[in-house]
């Protein structure tokens, strides 16, 4: 589907609405102030001043009102992975991403999210962009709308299970691959027979390694799968999945902080070691292990700090 997006001021927006009033339709979506449907074009106007034209006549209609801005996700992104189809950012894509793998405290979370071609601009209007450019607080505000508007699945691997499978010999790569495959399967089942144009996985392993990790699974998602680094900048589906996964991670961190009786820091730096040592002294090793990825070097550092404080 051809898409065109223009940005107009209030005066031009009034003219746009007046021009298409006879073709007005109801579109109950966040941020939408007006929508119309022509035989070959759908028009959606947003509070932000953006007007989205979709369909065979999108270029013709957009040209009436202004110059179209760049397409969603079409900016050059330095990435590694598969060769990607043209205009991927405008297609219907099921994307997946994960977070929490570099944090000593808290879980690993993976989310998969389906964004249809006609939802791309809506998702952008909800505030989605590269999640690495958003604060945790803003992602907490955006995530409920995304969960409501989009078909998605989010998986949280709690620390006890993570430590169990890691101790049995599973690498983080295998853990992530299994979670991605499972989340993608969940979304495909929820889509009730609808199929995405492509599936885009934010790449953390080469294709062959990824599929080797999940080769024993009874059901493996393979059809039209693409792998790319920096995928959150290539399609709104991965950006949305990244936000949903991040907020699931933050919510679990809130729960674990309540158990610990103190705010658990993110990451794996010196501050993490200090807090871990406090928990070790206060509640013991069993409690600390239940809150963390125990194979991280932070566990040993926390034990050493706690030993020094006991002297």
C-alpha atoms as a PDB file:
ATOM      1  CA  UNK A   1       0.000   0.000   0.000  1.00  0.00           C
ATOM      2  CA  UNK A   2       1.350   3.434  -0.949  1.00  0.00           C
ATOM      3  CA  UNK A   3       1.615   5.876   1.961  1.00  0.00           C
ATOM      4  CA  UNK A   4       2.178   9.634   1.999  1.00  0.00           C
ATOM      5  CA  UNK A   5       2.487  11.788   5.130  1.00  0.00           C
ATOM      6  CA  UNK A   6       2.354  15.568   5.237  1.00  0.00           C
ATOM      7  CA  UNK A   7       2.505  18.039   8.123  1.00  0.00           C
ATOM      8  CA  UNK A   8       0.107  20.996   8.010  1.00  0.00           C
ATOM      9  CA  UNK A   9      -0.697  23.990  10.205  1.00  0.00           C
ATOM     10  CA  UNK A  10      -4.089  24.563  11.827  1.00  0.00           C
ATOM     11  CA  UNK A  11      -5.388  26.655   8.917  1.00  0.00           C
ATOM     12  CA  UNK A  12      -4.522  24.047   6.301  1.00  0.00           C
ATOM     13  CA  UNK A  13      -5.874  21.271   8.544  1.00  0.00           C
ATOM     14  CA  UNK A  14      -9.267  23.028   8.593  1.00  0.00           C
ATOM     15  CA  UNK A  15      -9.231  23.163   4.796  1.00  0.00           C
ATOM     16  CA  UNK A  16      -8.305  19.476   4.564  1.00  0.00           C
ATOM     17  CA  UNK A  17     -11.196  18.522   6.837  1.00  0.00           C
ATOM     18  CA  UNK A  18     -13.627  20.741   4.949  1.00  0.00           C
ATOM     19  CA  UNK A  19     -12.524  19.339   1.580  1.00  0.00           C
ATOM     20  CA  UNK A  20     -13.102  15.698   2.582  1.00  0.00           C
ATOM     21  CA  UNK A  21     -16.158  16.194   4.831  1.00  0.00           C
ATOM     22  CA  UNK A  22     -18.524  14.552   2.337  1.00  0.00           C
ATOM     23  CA  UNK A  23     -16.376  11.372   2.535  1.00  0.00           C
ATOM     24  CA  UNK A  24     -15.980  11.409   6.299  1.00  0.00           C
ATOM     25  CA  UNK A  25     -15.811   8.097   8.170  1.00  0.00           C
ATOM     26  CA  UNK A  26     -15.533   7.236  11.873  1.00  0.00           C
ATOM     27  CA  UNK A  27     -12.093   6.084  12.978  1.00  0.00           C
ATOM     28  CA  UNK A  28     -11.816   5.680  16.736  1.00  0.00           C
ATOM     29  CA  UNK A  29      -8.060   5.600  17.223  1.00  0.00           C
ATOM     30  CA  UNK A  30      -5.768   7.545  19.566  1.00  0.00           C
ATOM     31  CA  UNK A  31      -4.751  10.940  18.184  1.00  0.00           C
ATOM     32  CA  UNK A  32      -7.143  10.901  15.217  1.00  0.00           C
ATOM     33  CA  UNK A  33      -9.158  14.114  14.687  1.00  0.00           C
ATOM     34  CA  UNK A  34     -10.644  13.308  11.277  1.00  0.00           C
ATOM     35  CA  UNK A  35     -10.791  10.458   8.767  1.00  0.00           C
ATOM     36  CA  UNK A  36     -12.214  10.089   5.264  1.00  0.00           C
ATOM     37  CA  UNK A  37     -12.413   7.387   2.619  1.00  0.00           C
ATOM     38  CA  UNK A  38     -12.236   7.998  -1.131  1.00  0.00           C
ATOM     39  CA  UNK A  39     -12.577   5.212  -3.707  1.00  0.00           C
ATOM     40  CA  UNK A  40      -8.789   4.894  -3.970  1.00  0.00           C
ATOM     41  CA  UNK A  41      -7.465   6.716  -0.895  1.00  0.00           C
ATOM     42  CA  UNK A  42      -7.891   6.749   2.873  1.00  0.00           C
ATOM     43  CA  UNK A  43      -7.170  10.021   4.687  1.00  0.00           C
ATOM     44  CA  UNK A  44      -6.387  10.198   8.408  1.00  0.00           C
ATOM     45  CA  UNK A  45      -5.628  13.481  10.200  1.00  0.00           C
ATOM     46  CA  UNK A  46      -3.917  13.549  13.604  1.00  0.00           C
ATOM     47  CA  UNK A  47      -3.749  16.028  16.472  1.00  0.00           C
ATOM     48  CA  UNK A  48      -0.051  16.469  15.812  1.00  0.00           C
ATOM     49  CA  UNK A  49      -0.783  18.100  12.451  1.00  0.00           C
ATOM     50  CA  UNK A  50       0.181  15.058  10.408  1.00  0.00           C
ATOM     51  CA  UNK A  51      -2.127  13.835   7.648  1.00  0.00           C
ATOM     52  CA  UNK A  52      -1.708  10.276   6.364  1.00  0.00           C
ATOM     53  CA  UNK A  53      -2.816   9.338   2.835  1.00  0.00           C
ATOM     54  CA  UNK A  54      -2.972   5.628   2.002  1.00  0.00           C
ATOM     55  CA  UNK A  55      -3.849   3.887  -1.237  1.00  0.00           C
ATOM     56  CA  UNK A  56      -3.392   4.174  -4.993  1.00  0.00           C
ATOM     57  CA  UNK A  57      -4.340   7.865  -4.986  1.00  0.00           C
ATOM     58  CA  UNK A  58      -2.223   8.852  -1.991  1.00  0.00           C
ATOM     59  CA  UNK A  59       0.370  10.848  -3.957  1.00  0.00           C
ATOM     60  CA  UNK A  60      -2.341  12.738  -5.859  1.00  0.00           C
ATOM     61  CA  UNK A  61      -4.265  13.689  -2.727  1.00  0.00           C
ATOM     62  CA  UNK A  62      -1.202  14.543  -0.627  1.00  0.00           C
ATOM     63  CA  UNK A  63       0.061  16.844  -3.388  1.00  0.00           C
ATOM     64  CA  UNK A  64      -3.039  19.015  -2.927  1.00  0.00           C
ATOM     65  CA  UNK A  65      -1.893  20.088   0.513  1.00  0.00           C
ATOM     66  CA  UNK A  66       1.883  19.986   0.828  1.00  0.00           C
ATOM     67  CA  UNK A  67       5.135  18.111   0.406  1.00  0.00           C
ATOM     68  CA  UNK A  68       5.289  14.577   1.807  1.00  0.00           C
ATOM     69  CA  UNK A  69       7.861  13.900   4.497  1.00  0.00           C
ATOM     70  CA  UNK A  70      10.141  10.838   4.535  1.00  0.00           C
ATOM     71  CA  UNK A  71       8.521   7.443   5.038  1.00  0.00           C
ATOM     72  CA  UNK A  72       8.473   5.731   8.400  1.00  0.00           C
ATOM     73  CA  UNK A  73      11.756   4.013   9.065  1.00  0.00           C
ATOM     74  CA  UNK A  74      13.147   4.867   5.626  1.00  0.00           C
ATOM     75  CA  UNK A  75      16.158   6.772   6.909  1.00  0.00           C
ATOM     76  CA  UNK A  76      19.470   5.041   6.438  1.00  0.00           C
ATOM     77  CA  UNK A  77      20.241   2.727   9.343  1.00  0.00           C
ATOM     78  CA  UNK A  78      23.642   1.140   9.784  1.00  0.00           C
ATOM     79  CA  UNK A  79      22.826  -2.486  10.392  1.00  0.00           C
ATOM     80  CA  UNK A  80      23.929  -6.059   9.885  1.00  0.00           C
ATOM     81  CA  UNK A  81      21.798  -8.957   8.762  1.00  0.00           C
ATOM     82  CA  UNK A  82      19.665  -9.962   5.814  1.00  0.00           C
ATOM     83  CA  UNK A  83      19.099  -7.935   2.681  1.00  0.00           C
ATOM     84  CA  UNK A  84      15.759  -6.257   3.270  1.00  0.00           C
ATOM     85  CA  UNK A  85      12.897  -5.697   0.813  1.00  0.00           C
ATOM     86  CA  UNK A  86      12.193  -2.233  -0.541  1.00  0.00           C
ATOM     87  CA  UNK A  87       9.755  -0.120   1.480  1.00  0.00           C
ATOM     88  CA  UNK A  88       9.812  -2.576   4.368  1.00  0.00           C
ATOM     89  CA  UNK A  89       8.745   0.197   6.739  1.00  0.00           C
ATOM     90  CA  UNK A  90       5.392   0.462   4.928  1.00  0.00           C
ATOM     91  CA  UNK A  91       4.533  -3.262   4.953  1.00  0.00           C
ATOM     92  CA  UNK A  92       2.607  -5.406   7.434  1.00  0.00           C
ATOM     93  CA  UNK A  93       5.306  -6.851   9.690  1.00  0.00           C
ATOM     94  CA  UNK A  94       5.496  -8.998  12.819  1.00  0.00           C
ATOM     95  CA  UNK A  95       8.548  -7.870  14.780  1.00  0.00           C
ATOM     96  CA  UNK A  96      10.275  -9.115  17.922  1.00  0.00           C
ATOM     97  CA  UNK A  97      12.845  -7.781  20.377  1.00  0.00           C
ATOM     98  CA  UNK A  98      14.143  -8.488  23.884  1.00  0.00           C
ATOM     99  CA  UNK A  99      15.574  -6.681  26.887  1.00  0.00           C
ATOM    100  CA  UNK A 100      17.119  -7.424  30.274  1.00  0.00           C
ATOM    101  CA  UNK A 101      19.954  -9.625  29.036  1.00  0.00           C
ATOM    102  CA  UNK A 102      22.655  -7.248  30.264  1.00  0.00           C
ATOM    103  CA  UNK A 103      21.098  -6.552  33.677  1.00  0.00           C
ATOM    104  CA  UNK A 104      22.243  -8.454  36.781  1.00  0.00           C
ATOM    105  CA  UNK A 105      18.931  -7.829  38.536  1.00  0.00           C
ATOM    106  CA  UNK A 106      15.654  -8.736  36.889  1.00  0.00           C
ATOM    107  CA  UNK A 107      14.341 -10.979  34.126  1.00  0.00           C
ATOM    108  CA  UNK A 108      14.813 -11.418  30.421  1.00  0.00           C
ATOM    109  CA  UNK A 109      11.710 -10.244  28.555  1.00  0.00           C
ATOM    110  CA  UNK A 110      10.832 -10.800  24.899  1.00  0.00           C
ATOM    111  CA  UNK A 111       7.928  -9.274  22.992  1.00  0.00           C
ATOM    112  CA  UNK A 112       6.543  -9.815  19.505  1.00  0.00           C
ATOM    113  CA  UNK A 113       4.167  -7.317  17.936  1.00  0.00           C
ATOM    114  CA  UNK A 114       2.222  -7.202  14.666  1.00  0.00           C
ATOM    115  CA  UNK A 115       1.794  -3.834  12.937  1.00  0.00           C
ATOM    116  CA  UNK A 116      -0.312  -3.812   9.769  1.00  0.00           C
ATOM    117  CA  UNK A 117       0.547  -1.404   6.985  1.00  0.00           C
ATOM    118  CA  UNK A 118      -2.483   0.711   7.848  1.00  0.00           C
ATOM    119  CA  UNK A 119      -1.357   0.918  11.508  1.00  0.00           C
ATOM    120  CA  UNK A 120       2.166   2.236  10.913  1.00  0.00           C
ATOM    121  CA  UNK A 121       1.199   5.895  11.198  1.00  0.00           C
ATOM    122  CA  UNK A 122      -1.068   5.211  14.179  1.00  0.00           C
ATOM    123  CA  UNK A 123       1.814   3.548  16.017  1.00  0.00           C
ATOM    124  CA  UNK A 124       4.031   6.528  15.271  1.00  0.00           C
ATOM    125  CA  UNK A 125       1.336   8.863  16.601  1.00  0.00           C
ATOM    126  CA  UNK A 126       1.249   6.891  19.839  1.00  0.00           C
ATOM    127  CA  UNK A 127       4.851   8.012  20.338  1.00  0.00           C
ATOM    128  CA  UNK A 128       6.801   5.024  19.082  1.00  0.00           C
ATOM    129  CA  UNK A 129      10.283   5.435  17.724  1.00  0.00           C
ATOM    130  CA  UNK A 130      13.589   3.766  18.457  1.00  0.00           C
ATOM    131  CA  UNK A 131      13.064   2.726  22.083  1.00  0.00           C
ATOM    132  CA  UNK A 132      16.698   3.560  22.857  1.00  0.00           C
ATOM    133  CA  UNK A 133      15.713   7.226  22.344  1.00  0.00           C
ATOM    134  CA  UNK A 134      12.854   7.036  24.872  1.00  0.00           C
ATOM    135  CA  UNK A 135      13.005   7.240  28.658  1.00  0.00           C
ATOM    136  CA  UNK A 136      11.632   4.463  30.844  1.00  0.00           C
ATOM    137  CA  UNK A 137       8.902   6.808  32.129  1.00  0.00           C
ATOM    138  CA  UNK A 138       7.748   7.657  28.612  1.00  0.00           C
ATOM    139  CA  UNK A 139       7.724   4.004  27.603  1.00  0.00           C
ATOM    140  CA  UNK A 140       5.540   3.220  30.628  1.00  0.00           C
ATOM    141  CA  UNK A 141       3.030   5.793  29.323  1.00  0.00           C
ATOM    142  CA  UNK A 142       3.113   4.519  25.727  1.00  0.00           C
ATOM    143  CA  UNK A 143       2.966   0.780  26.401  1.00  0.00           C
ATOM    144  CA  UNK A 144      -0.708   0.526  27.536  1.00  0.00           C
ATOM    145  CA  UNK A 145      -1.920   2.075  24.258  1.00  0.00           C
ATOM    146  CA  UNK A 146       0.318  -0.238  22.242  1.00  0.00           C
ATOM    147  CA  UNK A 147      -0.909  -3.304  24.118  1.00  0.00           C
ATOM    148  CA  UNK A 148      -4.486  -2.199  23.487  1.00  0.00           C
ATOM    149  CA  UNK A 149      -4.085  -1.378  19.789  1.00  0.00           C
ATOM    150  CA  UNK A 150      -1.771  -4.142  18.548  1.00  0.00           C
ATOM    151  CA  UNK A 151      -1.738  -7.926  18.457  1.00  0.00           C
ATOM    152  CA  UNK A 152       1.231  -8.857  20.623  1.00  0.00           C
ATOM    153  CA  UNK A 153       2.785 -11.355  23.003  1.00  0.00           C
ATOM    154  CA  UNK A 154       5.209 -10.645  25.814  1.00  0.00           C
ATOM    155  CA  UNK A 155       7.164 -13.280  27.740  1.00  0.00           C
ATOM    156  CA  UNK A 156       8.947 -12.742  31.057  1.00  0.00           C
ATOM    157  CA  UNK A 157      11.562 -15.292  32.089  1.00  0.00           C
ATOM    158  CA  UNK A 158      11.841 -14.887  35.846  1.00  0.00           C
ATOM    159  CA  UNK A 159      15.204 -15.227  37.549  1.00  0.00           C
ATOM    160  CA  UNK A 160      14.610 -18.622  39.166  1.00  0.00           C
ATOM    161  CA  UNK A 161      13.865 -20.243  35.814  1.00  0.00           C
ATOM    162  CA  UNK A 162      16.637 -18.306  34.079  1.00  0.00           C
ATOM    163  CA  UNK A 163      19.195 -19.533  36.616  1.00  0.00           C
ATOM    164  CA  UNK A 164      17.911 -23.094  36.332  1.00  0.00           C
ATOM    165  CA  UNK A 165      18.212 -23.351  32.540  1.00  0.00           C
ATOM    166  CA  UNK A 166      21.484 -21.403  32.466  1.00  0.00           C
ATOM    167  CA  UNK A 167      23.000 -23.795  35.010  1.00  0.00           C
ATOM    168  CA  UNK A 168      21.864 -26.731  32.851  1.00  0.00           C
ATOM    169  CA  UNK A 169      24.036 -25.440  30.009  1.00  0.00           C
ATOM    170  CA  UNK A 170      21.784 -23.091  28.057  1.00  0.00           C
ATOM    171  CA  UNK A 171      23.526 -19.983  26.736  1.00  0.00           C
ATOM    172  CA  UNK A 172      21.834 -16.595  26.694  1.00  0.00           C
ATOM    173  CA  UNK A 173      21.618 -16.954  22.910  1.00  0.00           C
ATOM    174  CA  UNK A 174      19.629 -20.169  23.225  1.00  0.00           C
ATOM    175  CA  UNK A 175      17.372 -18.666  25.883  1.00  0.00           C
ATOM    176  CA  UNK A 176      16.622 -15.645  23.699  1.00  0.00           C
ATOM    177  CA  UNK A 177      16.058 -17.717  20.560  1.00  0.00           C
ATOM    178  CA  UNK A 178      13.546 -19.959  22.332  1.00  0.00           C
ATOM    179  CA  UNK A 179      11.684 -16.959  23.741  1.00  0.00           C
ATOM    180  CA  UNK A 180      11.581 -15.156  20.382  1.00  0.00           C
ATOM    181  CA  UNK A 181      10.257 -18.258  18.619  1.00  0.00           C
ATOM    182  CA  UNK A 182       7.605 -18.749  21.291  1.00  0.00           C
ATOM    183  CA  UNK A 183       6.455 -15.104  21.249  1.00  0.00           C
ATOM    184  CA  UNK A 184       6.215 -15.130  17.439  1.00  0.00           C
ATOM    185  CA  UNK A 185       4.154 -18.339  17.550  1.00  0.00           C
ATOM    186  CA  UNK A 186       1.770 -16.766  20.061  1.00  0.00           C
ATOM    187  CA  UNK A 187       1.145 -13.720  17.874  1.00  0.00           C
ATOM    188  CA  UNK A 188       0.674 -15.763  14.692  1.00  0.00           C
ATOM    189  CA  UNK A 189      -2.006 -17.801  16.485  1.00  0.00           C
ATOM    190  CA  UNK A 190      -3.769 -14.631  17.637  1.00  0.00           C
ATOM    191  CA  UNK A 191      -3.822 -13.283  14.066  1.00  0.00           C
ATOM    192  CA  UNK A 192      -6.568 -15.768  13.142  1.00  0.00           C
ATOM    193  CA  UNK A 193      -5.221 -16.741   9.734  1.00  0.00           C
ATOM    194  CA  UNK A 194      -3.907 -13.306   8.728  1.00  0.00           C
ATOM    195  CA  UNK A 195      -0.274 -13.462   7.635  1.00  0.00           C
ATOM    196  CA  UNK A 196       2.376 -10.740   7.871  1.00  0.00           C
ATOM    197  CA  UNK A 197       4.300  -9.732   4.776  1.00  0.00           C
ATOM    198  CA  UNK A 198       7.468 -10.418   6.766  1.00  0.00           C
ATOM    199  CA  UNK A 199       8.669 -11.337  10.243  1.00  0.00           C
ATOM    200  CA  UNK A 200      11.544  -9.154  11.468  1.00  0.00           C
ATOM    201  CA  UNK A 201      13.721 -10.263  14.381  1.00  0.00           C
ATOM    202  CA  UNK A 202      16.127  -7.831  16.007  1.00  0.00           C
ATOM    203  CA  UNK A 203      19.263  -9.846  15.341  1.00  0.00           C
ATOM    204  CA  UNK A 204      21.314 -11.131  18.267  1.00  0.00           C
ATOM    205  CA  UNK A 205      22.718 -14.188  16.438  1.00  0.00           C
ATOM    206  CA  UNK A 206      23.375 -15.263  12.864  1.00  0.00           C
ATOM    207  CA  UNK A 207      20.485 -17.036  11.167  1.00  0.00           C
ATOM    208  CA  UNK A 208      22.127 -20.465  11.304  1.00  0.00           C
ATOM    209  CA  UNK A 209      23.010 -20.132  14.976  1.00  0.00           C
ATOM    210  CA  UNK A 210      19.510 -18.924  15.844  1.00  0.00           C
ATOM    211  CA  UNK A 211      17.846 -21.901  14.172  1.00  0.00           C
ATOM    212  CA  UNK A 212      20.370 -24.311  15.665  1.00  0.00           C
ATOM    213  CA  UNK A 213      19.351 -23.075  19.125  1.00  0.00           C
ATOM    214  CA  UNK A 214      15.699 -23.978  18.503  1.00  0.00           C
ATOM    215  CA  UNK A 215      16.122 -27.060  16.283  1.00  0.00           C
ATOM    216  CA  UNK A 216      14.500 -29.358  18.863  1.00  0.00           C
ATOM    217  CA  UNK A 217      11.333 -27.263  19.091  1.00  0.00           C
ATOM    218  CA  UNK A 218       8.186 -28.954  17.724  1.00  0.00           C
ATOM    219  CA  UNK A 219       7.098 -25.767  15.958  1.00  0.00           C
ATOM    220  CA  UNK A 220       9.616 -23.339  14.455  1.00  0.00           C
ATOM    221  CA  UNK A 221       8.717 -20.035  12.800  1.00  0.00           C
ATOM    222  CA  UNK A 222      10.624 -19.871   9.497  1.00  0.00           C
ATOM    223  CA  UNK A 223       8.414 -18.403   6.762  1.00  0.00           C
ATOM    224  CA  UNK A 224       9.418 -14.916   5.545  1.00  0.00           C
ATOM    225  CA  UNK A 225      11.698 -14.365   8.552  1.00  0.00           C
ATOM    226  CA  UNK A 226      14.277 -11.571   8.315  1.00  0.00           C
ATOM    227  CA  UNK A 227      17.119 -10.860  10.740  1.00  0.00           C
ATOM    228  CA  UNK A 228      18.643  -7.413  11.176  1.00  0.00           C
ATOM    229  CA  UNK A 229      20.475  -5.471  13.848  1.00  0.00           C
ATOM    230  CA  UNK A 230      18.981  -2.094  14.775  1.00  0.00           C
ATOM    231  CA  UNK A 231      15.622  -3.444  13.604  1.00  0.00           C
ATOM    232  CA  UNK A 232      13.716  -1.051  15.872  1.00  0.00           C
ATOM    233  CA  UNK A 233      14.708   1.652  13.383  1.00  0.00           C
ATOM    234  CA  UNK A 234      13.536  -0.361  10.379  1.00  0.00           C
ATOM    235  CA  UNK A 235       9.908  -1.061  11.234  1.00  0.00           C
ATOM    236  CA  UNK A 236       7.426   0.150  13.829  1.00  0.00           C
ATOM    237  CA  UNK A 237       6.617  -3.448  14.810  1.00  0.00           C
ATOM    238  CA  UNK A 238      10.075  -3.994  16.318  1.00  0.00           C
ATOM    239  CA  UNK A 239      10.080  -0.550  17.941  1.00  0.00           C
ATOM    240  CA  UNK A 240       6.698  -1.330  19.517  1.00  0.00           C
ATOM    241  CA  UNK A 241       7.879  -4.788  20.613  1.00  0.00           C
ATOM    242  CA  UNK A 242      10.964  -3.219  22.178  1.00  0.00           C
ATOM    243  CA  UNK A 243       8.821  -0.845  24.239  1.00  0.00           C
ATOM    244  CA  UNK A 244       6.407  -3.574  25.354  1.00  0.00           C
ATOM    245  CA  UNK A 245       9.326  -5.812  26.353  1.00  0.00           C
ATOM    246  CA  UNK A 246      11.038  -2.989  28.223  1.00  0.00           C
ATOM    247  CA  UNK A 247       7.944  -2.101  30.237  1.00  0.00           C
ATOM    248  CA  UNK A 248       7.419  -5.773  31.145  1.00  0.00           C
ATOM    249  CA  UNK A 249      11.024  -5.766  32.400  1.00  0.00           C
ATOM    250  CA  UNK A 250      10.425  -2.568  34.403  1.00  0.00           C
ATOM    251  CA  UNK A 251       7.245  -3.966  35.955  1.00  0.00           C
ATOM    252  CA  UNK A 252       9.075  -7.084  37.092  1.00  0.00           C
ATOM    253  CA  UNK A 253      11.883  -4.905  38.468  1.00  0.00           C
ATOM    254  CA  UNK A 254       9.261  -2.997  40.477  1.00  0.00           C
ATOM    255  CA  UNK A 255       8.009  -6.284  41.930  1.00  0.00           C
ATOM    256  CA  UNK A 256      11.508  -7.493  42.759  1.00  0.00           C
ATOM    257  CA  UNK A 257      12.386  -4.138  44.349  1.00  0.00           C
ATOM    258  CA  UNK A 258       9.414  -4.639  46.667  1.00  0.00           C
ATOM    259  CA  UNK A 259      10.766  -8.045  47.690  1.00  0.00           C
ATOM    260  CA  UNK A 260      14.257  -6.640  48.236  1.00  0.00           C
ATOM    261  CA  UNK A 261      12.985  -3.652  50.197  1.00  0.00           C
ATOM    262  CA  UNK A 262      15.047  -1.284  48.071  1.00  0.00           C
ATOM    263  CA  UNK A 263      15.150  -0.013  44.487  1.00  0.00           C
ATOM    264  CA  UNK A 264      17.121  -2.397  42.320  1.00  0.00           C
ATOM    265  CA  UNK A 265      19.448  -0.676  39.853  1.00  0.00           C
ATOM    266  CA  UNK A 266      19.634  -1.624  36.203  1.00  0.00           C
ATOM    267  CA  UNK A 267      22.750  -2.712  34.352  1.00  0.00           C
ATOM    268  CA  UNK A 268      25.791  -4.468  35.767  1.00  0.00           C
ATOM    269  CA  UNK A 269      28.067  -1.707  37.061  1.00  0.00           C
ATOM    270  CA  UNK A 270      29.587  -0.848  40.478  1.00  0.00           C
ATOM    271  CA  UNK A 271      26.277   0.511  41.834  1.00  0.00           C
ATOM    272  CA  UNK A 272      24.743  -2.899  41.144  1.00  0.00           C
ATOM    273  CA  UNK A 273      27.531  -4.574  43.142  1.00  0.00           C
ATOM    274  CA  UNK A 274      26.901  -2.263  46.103  1.00  0.00           C
ATOM    275  CA  UNK A 275      23.159  -2.920  46.191  1.00  0.00           C
ATOM    276  CA  UNK A 276      23.706  -6.658  45.741  1.00  0.00           C
ATOM    277  CA  UNK A 277      26.114  -6.669  48.698  1.00  0.00           C
ATOM    278  CA  UNK A 278      23.501  -4.888  50.849  1.00  0.00           C
ATOM    279  CA  UNK A 279      20.894  -7.515  49.959  1.00  0.00           C
ATOM    280  CA  UNK A 280      23.397 -10.273  50.682  1.00  0.00           C
ATOM    281  CA  UNK A 281      24.095  -8.874  54.145  1.00  0.00           C
ATOM    282  CA  UNK A 282      20.432  -8.184  54.871  1.00  0.00           C
ATOM    283  CA  UNK A 283      18.677 -11.238  53.436  1.00  0.00           C
ATOM    284  CA  UNK A 284      21.282 -13.795  52.433  1.00  0.00           C
ATOM    285  CA  UNK A 285      22.460 -15.526  49.271  1.00  0.00           C
ATOM    286  CA  UNK A 286      19.225 -17.390  48.518  1.00  0.00           C
ATOM    287  CA  UNK A 287      17.276 -14.135  48.315  1.00  0.00           C
ATOM    288  CA  UNK A 288      19.931 -12.390  46.226  1.00  0.00           C
ATOM    289  CA  UNK A 289      20.068 -15.306  43.797  1.00  0.00           C
ATOM    290  CA  UNK A 290      16.283 -15.179  43.353  1.00  0.00           C
ATOM    291  CA  UNK A 291      16.568 -11.560  42.182  1.00  0.00           C
ATOM    292  CA  UNK A 292      19.502 -11.919  39.799  1.00  0.00           C
ATOM    293  CA  UNK A 293      21.182 -13.674  36.900  1.00  0.00           C
ATOM    294  CA  UNK A 294      23.508 -15.602  39.153  1.00  0.00           C
ATOM    295  CA  UNK A 295      26.210 -16.430  36.586  1.00  0.00           C
ATOM    296  CA  UNK A 296      27.085 -12.745  36.128  1.00  0.00           C
ATOM    297  CA  UNK A 297      30.416 -11.632  37.617  1.00  0.00           C
ATOM    298  CA  UNK A 298      28.452  -9.257  39.853  1.00  0.00           C
ATOM    299  CA  UNK A 299      27.600 -12.184  42.147  1.00  0.00           C
ATOM    300  CA  UNK A 300      31.246 -12.737  43.026  1.00  0.00           C
ATOM    301  CA  UNK A 301      31.887  -9.004  43.391  1.00  0.00           C
ATOM    302  CA  UNK A 302      28.916  -8.651  45.744  1.00  0.00           C
ATOM    303  CA  UNK A 303      30.178 -11.526  47.890  1.00  0.00           C
ATOM    304  CA  UNK A 304      33.606  -9.910  48.138  1.00  0.00           C
ATOM    305  CA  UNK A 305      32.100  -6.515  49.092  1.00  0.00           C
ATOM    306  CA  UNK A 306      29.857  -8.130  51.694  1.00  0.00           C
ATOM    307  CA  UNK A 307      32.818 -10.022  53.177  1.00  0.00           C
ATOM    308  CA  UNK A 308      34.798  -6.794  53.555  1.00  0.00           C
ATOM    309  CA  UNK A 309      31.838  -5.066  55.244  1.00  0.00           C
ATOM    310  CA  UNK A 310      31.508  -7.922  57.748  1.00  0.00           C
ATOM    311  CA  UNK A 311      35.053  -7.395  58.995  1.00  0.00           C
END
